[in-house]
Amino acid sequence: MVFNHHMKKLSLLILILFSLRQVPAQELVLHKSSAGAFPIVAPGGATAIYVDSNDHWLVRQAAVFLQQDIQRVTGQLPELLHRMPSAASNLIIIGSPT
């Protein structure tokens, strides 16, 4: 019983130490075009967001929140689409599994 108690404390200490360790961050925001990069906002405007109007209300709300966040960060408001476009070079698709 005492051994088990000490193991729990040791495990908790190890978990805390690992969570405090600084992890090098990836560069996730690029300020110029790069091969393989997906532009959320580019010089031509923000990438449109598609969400099915029949999807769950919370999924639709997540699309609205993302749209608002992109505008707050970049100053550009992405178009929110409820019909899949026939063609698009880039498109953010939000939805739940069918």
N, C-alpha and C. Protein backbone atom coordinates (compact mmCIF):
# COMPACT_ATOMS: atom_id res chain seq x y z
N MET A 1 0.83 -1.19 0.00
CA MET A 1 0.00 0.00 0.00
C MET A 1 0.87 1.25 0.00
N VAL A 2 1.92 1.30 0.84
CA VAL A 2 2.82 2.44 0.90
C VAL A 2 3.58 2.58 -0.40
N PHE A 3 4.02 1.45 -0.95
CA PHE A 3 4.74 1.46 -2.22
C PHE A 3 3.87 2.06 -3.33
N ASN A 4 2.60 1.66 -3.38
CA ASN A 4 1.67 2.16 -4.38
C ASN A 4 1.49 3.68 -4.23
N HIS A 5 1.41 4.17 -3.03
CA HIS A 5 1.25 5.60 -2.75
C HIS A 5 2.47 6.38 -3.26
N HIS A 6 3.67 5.85 -3.02
CA HIS A 6 4.89 6.51 -3.48
C HIS A 6 4.99 6.48 -5.01
N MET A 7 4.55 5.39 -5.62
CA MET A 7 4.57 5.30 -7.08
C MET A 7 3.63 6.34 -7.70
N LYS A 8 2.47 6.56 -7.08
CA LYS A 8 1.54 7.58 -7.58
C LYS A 8 2.18 8.96 -7.50
N LYS A 9 2.83 9.26 -6.37
CA LYS A 9 3.49 10.55 -6.20
C LYS A 9 4.62 10.72 -7.22
N LEU A 10 5.41 9.67 -7.42
CA LEU A 10 6.51 9.72 -8.38
C LEU A 10 5.98 9.92 -9.80
N SER A 11 4.93 9.21 -10.14
CA SER A 11 4.34 9.36 -11.47
C SER A 11 3.82 10.77 -11.68
N LEU A 12 3.19 11.34 -10.69
CA LEU A 12 2.68 12.70 -10.77
C LEU A 12 3.83 13.70 -10.94
N LEU A 13 4.91 13.51 -10.20
CA LEU A 13 6.07 14.38 -10.30
C LEU A 13 6.69 14.31 -11.70
N ILE A 14 6.81 13.12 -12.23
CA ILE A 14 7.36 12.95 -13.58
C ILE A 14 6.45 13.63 -14.61
N LEU A 15 5.16 13.47 -14.46
CA LEU A 15 4.21 14.11 -15.37
C LEU A 15 4.34 15.63 -15.32
N ILE A 16 4.46 16.18 -14.15
CA ILE A 16 4.61 17.64 -13.99
C ILE A 16 5.91 18.11 -14.62
N LEU A 17 6.99 17.40 -14.38
CA LEU A 17 8.28 17.80 -14.95
C LEU A 17 8.25 17.77 -16.48
N PHE A 18 7.65 16.75 -17.06
CA PHE A 18 7.56 16.68 -18.52
C PHE A 18 6.67 17.78 -19.08
N SER A 19 5.61 18.14 -18.37
CA SER A 19 4.72 19.18 -18.87
C SER A 19 5.36 20.56 -18.78
N LEU A 20 6.31 20.75 -17.87
CA LEU A 20 6.99 22.04 -17.72
C LEU A 20 8.15 22.20 -18.70
N ARG A 21 8.59 21.10 -19.27
CA ARG A 21 9.70 21.13 -20.20
C ARG A 21 9.32 21.92 -21.44
N GLN A 22 10.20 22.79 -21.88
CA GLN A 22 9.92 23.60 -23.06
C GLN A 22 10.10 22.76 -24.31
N VAL A 23 9.09 22.78 -25.16
CA VAL A 23 9.13 22.03 -26.40
C VAL A 23 9.31 23.03 -27.54
N PRO A 24 10.29 22.83 -28.41
CA PRO A 24 10.47 23.76 -29.52
C PRO A 24 9.24 23.77 -30.42
N ALA A 25 8.78 24.96 -30.76
CA ALA A 25 7.58 25.09 -31.58
C ALA A 25 7.91 25.06 -33.06
N GLN A 26 7.01 24.49 -33.82
CA GLN A 26 7.14 24.51 -35.27
C GLN A 26 6.73 25.90 -35.76
N GLU A 27 7.23 26.28 -36.92
CA GLU A 27 6.75 27.51 -37.52
C GLU A 27 5.48 27.16 -38.26
N LEU A 28 4.35 27.58 -37.73
CA LEU A 28 3.07 27.25 -38.30
C LEU A 28 2.52 28.37 -39.17
N VAL A 29 3.00 29.59 -38.97
CA VAL A 29 2.54 30.73 -39.75
C VAL A 29 3.63 31.12 -40.71
N LEU A 30 3.32 31.09 -41.98
CA LEU A 30 4.26 31.50 -43.00
C LEU A 30 3.81 32.84 -43.56
N HIS A 31 4.75 33.71 -43.82
CA HIS A 31 4.41 35.04 -44.31
C HIS A 31 4.62 35.17 -45.81
N LYS A 32 4.97 34.08 -46.46
CA LYS A 32 5.09 34.06 -47.92
C LYS A 32 4.73 32.66 -48.41
N SER A 33 4.42 32.57 -49.68
CA SER A 33 4.02 31.30 -50.27
C SER A 33 5.14 30.27 -50.16
N SER A 34 4.74 29.03 -49.88
CA SER A 34 5.71 27.95 -49.74
C SER A 34 5.08 26.68 -50.29
N ALA A 35 5.88 25.84 -50.92
CA ALA A 35 5.37 24.58 -51.47
C ALA A 35 4.75 23.74 -50.37
N GLY A 36 3.55 23.24 -50.61
CA GLY A 36 2.87 22.38 -49.65
C GLY A 36 2.11 23.13 -48.57
N ALA A 37 2.21 24.45 -48.55
CA ALA A 37 1.50 25.23 -47.53
C ALA A 37 0.05 25.44 -47.95
N PHE A 38 -0.84 25.45 -46.97
CA PHE A 38 -2.26 25.70 -47.22
C PHE A 38 -2.57 27.12 -46.78
N PRO A 39 -2.94 28.01 -47.72
CA PRO A 39 -3.19 29.41 -47.33
C PRO A 39 -4.58 29.62 -46.74
N ILE A 40 -4.62 29.99 -45.49
CA ILE A 40 -5.90 30.38 -44.89
C ILE A 40 -6.23 31.79 -45.35
N VAL A 41 -5.21 32.65 -45.41
CA VAL A 41 -5.34 33.99 -45.96
C VAL A 41 -4.16 34.22 -46.87
N ALA A 42 -4.44 34.74 -48.05
CA ALA A 42 -3.40 35.04 -49.04
C ALA A 42 -3.67 36.44 -49.59
N PRO A 43 -2.76 36.97 -50.37
CA PRO A 43 -2.98 38.32 -50.91
C PRO A 43 -4.32 38.48 -51.64
N GLY A 44 -4.85 37.42 -52.24
CA GLY A 44 -6.13 37.50 -52.94
C GLY A 44 -7.34 37.45 -52.03
N GLY A 45 -7.15 37.19 -50.75
CA GLY A 45 -8.26 37.12 -49.81
C GLY A 45 -8.18 35.88 -48.94
N ALA A 46 -9.20 35.72 -48.13
CA ALA A 46 -9.26 34.58 -47.21
C ALA A 46 -9.88 33.38 -47.91
N THR A 47 -9.41 32.19 -47.57
CA THR A 47 -9.97 30.95 -48.11
C THR A 47 -11.37 30.75 -47.56
N ALA A 48 -12.32 30.42 -48.43
CA ALA A 48 -13.71 30.21 -48.03
C ALA A 48 -13.84 29.00 -47.11
N ILE A 49 -14.89 29.01 -46.31
CA ILE A 49 -15.20 27.92 -45.38
C ILE A 49 -16.52 27.30 -45.81
N TYR A 50 -16.52 25.99 -46.00
CA TYR A 50 -17.76 25.28 -46.36
C TYR A 50 -18.24 24.46 -45.16
N VAL A 51 -19.53 24.57 -44.88
CA VAL A 51 -20.19 23.71 -43.89
C VAL A 51 -21.60 23.44 -44.40
N ASP A 52 -22.02 22.20 -44.35
CA ASP A 52 -23.35 21.81 -44.82
C ASP A 52 -24.41 22.44 -43.91
N SER A 53 -25.42 23.06 -44.50
CA SER A 53 -26.47 23.71 -43.71
C SER A 53 -27.32 22.70 -42.95
N ASN A 54 -27.24 21.41 -43.31
CA ASN A 54 -27.99 20.37 -42.61
C ASN A 54 -27.17 19.69 -41.51
N ASP A 55 -25.91 20.11 -41.35
CA ASP A 55 -25.07 19.49 -40.32
C ASP A 55 -25.55 19.93 -38.93
N HIS A 56 -25.05 19.30 -37.91
CA HIS A 56 -25.41 19.62 -36.52
C HIS A 56 -25.18 21.10 -36.25
N TRP A 57 -26.04 21.71 -35.45
CA TRP A 57 -25.93 23.15 -35.18
C TRP A 57 -24.58 23.53 -34.61
N LEU A 58 -23.99 22.65 -33.81
CA LEU A 58 -22.71 22.96 -33.19
C LEU A 58 -21.58 22.96 -34.23
N VAL A 59 -21.68 22.10 -35.22
CA VAL A 59 -20.69 22.08 -36.31
C VAL A 59 -20.81 23.37 -37.11
N ARG A 60 -22.04 23.80 -37.40
CA ARG A 60 -22.24 25.07 -38.11
C ARG A 60 -21.71 26.24 -37.30
N GLN A 61 -21.90 26.19 -35.99
CA GLN A 61 -21.42 27.27 -35.12
C GLN A 61 -19.89 27.29 -35.07
N ALA A 62 -19.27 26.12 -35.12
CA ALA A 62 -17.80 26.05 -35.15
C ALA A 62 -17.27 26.74 -36.41
N ALA A 63 -17.97 26.59 -37.52
CA ALA A 63 -17.57 27.25 -38.77
C ALA A 63 -17.67 28.76 -38.62
N VAL A 64 -18.72 29.24 -37.98
CA VAL A 64 -18.88 30.69 -37.74
C VAL A 64 -17.77 31.20 -36.82
N PHE A 65 -17.46 30.44 -35.77
CA PHE A 65 -16.39 30.85 -34.86
C PHE A 65 -15.05 30.92 -35.58
N LEU A 66 -14.76 29.94 -36.44
CA LEU A 66 -13.52 29.96 -37.20
C LEU A 66 -13.49 31.18 -38.12
N GLN A 67 -14.59 31.44 -38.78
CA GLN A 67 -14.68 32.60 -39.67
C GLN A 67 -14.38 33.89 -38.89
N GLN A 68 -14.97 34.03 -37.72
CA GLN A 68 -14.75 35.23 -36.90
C GLN A 68 -13.31 35.31 -36.40
N ASP A 69 -12.74 34.17 -36.01
CA ASP A 69 -11.34 34.16 -35.54
C ASP A 69 -10.39 34.59 -36.66
N ILE A 70 -10.62 34.09 -37.86
CA ILE A 70 -9.75 34.47 -38.98
C ILE A 70 -9.85 35.97 -39.22
N GLN A 71 -11.06 36.51 -39.15
CA GLN A 71 -11.22 37.96 -39.35
C GLN A 71 -10.52 38.75 -38.24
N ARG A 72 -10.64 38.31 -37.01
CA ARG A 72 -10.00 39.01 -35.89
C ARG A 72 -8.48 39.03 -36.04
N VAL A 73 -7.92 37.93 -36.50
CA VAL A 73 -6.47 37.81 -36.60
C VAL A 73 -5.92 38.51 -37.85
N THR A 74 -6.64 38.40 -38.96
CA THR A 74 -6.10 38.88 -40.24
C THR A 74 -6.78 40.13 -40.78
N GLY A 75 -7.97 40.43 -40.29
CA GLY A 75 -8.73 41.55 -40.84
C GLY A 75 -9.52 41.17 -42.08
N GLN A 76 -9.43 39.92 -42.53
CA GLN A 76 -10.16 39.46 -43.70
C GLN A 76 -11.22 38.44 -43.28
N LEU A 77 -12.43 38.64 -43.76
CA LEU A 77 -13.54 37.75 -43.42
C LEU A 77 -13.73 36.70 -44.51
N PRO A 78 -13.48 35.43 -44.19
CA PRO A 78 -13.69 34.38 -45.19
C PRO A 78 -15.18 34.23 -45.49
N GLU A 79 -15.48 33.88 -46.72
CA GLU A 79 -16.86 33.62 -47.09
C GLU A 79 -17.28 32.29 -46.46
N LEU A 80 -18.51 32.24 -45.93
CA LEU A 80 -19.05 31.01 -45.35
C LEU A 80 -20.02 30.41 -46.36
N LEU A 81 -19.68 29.25 -46.90
CA LEU A 81 -20.49 28.61 -47.94
C LEU A 81 -21.31 27.47 -47.36
N HIS A 82 -22.54 27.31 -47.88
CA HIS A 82 -23.40 26.20 -47.48
C HIS A 82 -23.69 25.28 -48.67
N ARG A 83 -23.13 25.63 -49.82
CA ARG A 83 -23.19 24.77 -51.00
C ARG A 83 -21.77 24.58 -51.50
N MET A 84 -21.44 23.33 -51.79
CA MET A 84 -20.09 23.01 -52.25
C MET A 84 -19.86 23.69 -53.60
N PRO A 85 -18.79 24.47 -53.71
CA PRO A 85 -18.53 25.13 -55.00
C PRO A 85 -18.11 24.10 -56.06
N SER A 86 -18.39 24.42 -57.32
CA SER A 86 -18.02 23.49 -58.40
C SER A 86 -16.51 23.46 -58.58
N ALA A 87 -15.84 24.57 -58.24
CA ALA A 87 -14.38 24.62 -58.33
C ALA A 87 -13.85 25.59 -57.28
N ALA A 88 -12.73 25.25 -56.69
CA ALA A 88 -12.06 26.12 -55.73
C ALA A 88 -10.61 25.68 -55.63
N SER A 89 -9.69 26.64 -55.64
CA SER A 89 -8.28 26.26 -55.52
C SER A 89 -7.98 25.84 -54.08
N ASN A 90 -8.63 26.47 -53.12
CA ASN A 90 -8.50 26.10 -51.71
C ASN A 90 -9.86 26.24 -51.05
N LEU A 91 -10.14 25.38 -50.08
CA LEU A 91 -11.42 25.42 -49.39
C LEU A 91 -11.24 24.76 -48.02
N ILE A 92 -11.72 25.43 -47.00
CA ILE A 92 -11.75 24.83 -45.65
C ILE A 92 -13.10 24.14 -45.51
N ILE A 93 -13.08 22.85 -45.22
CA ILE A 93 -14.31 22.07 -45.10
C ILE A 93 -14.48 21.65 -43.65
N ILE A 94 -15.62 22.01 -43.08
CA ILE A 94 -15.93 21.65 -41.70
C ILE A 94 -17.18 20.79 -41.72
N GLY A 95 -17.13 19.66 -41.04
CA GLY A 95 -18.30 18.79 -41.01
C GLY A 95 -18.12 17.63 -40.06
N SER A 96 -19.21 16.92 -39.88
CA SER A 96 -19.17 15.73 -39.03
C SER A 96 -19.28 14.50 -39.92
N PRO A 97 -18.81 13.34 -39.46
CA PRO A 97 -18.90 12.14 -40.27
C PRO A 97 -20.36 11.78 -40.51
N THR A 98 -20.60 11.22 -41.66
CA THR A 98 -21.99 10.85 -41.99
C THR A 98 -22.34 9.49 -41.46
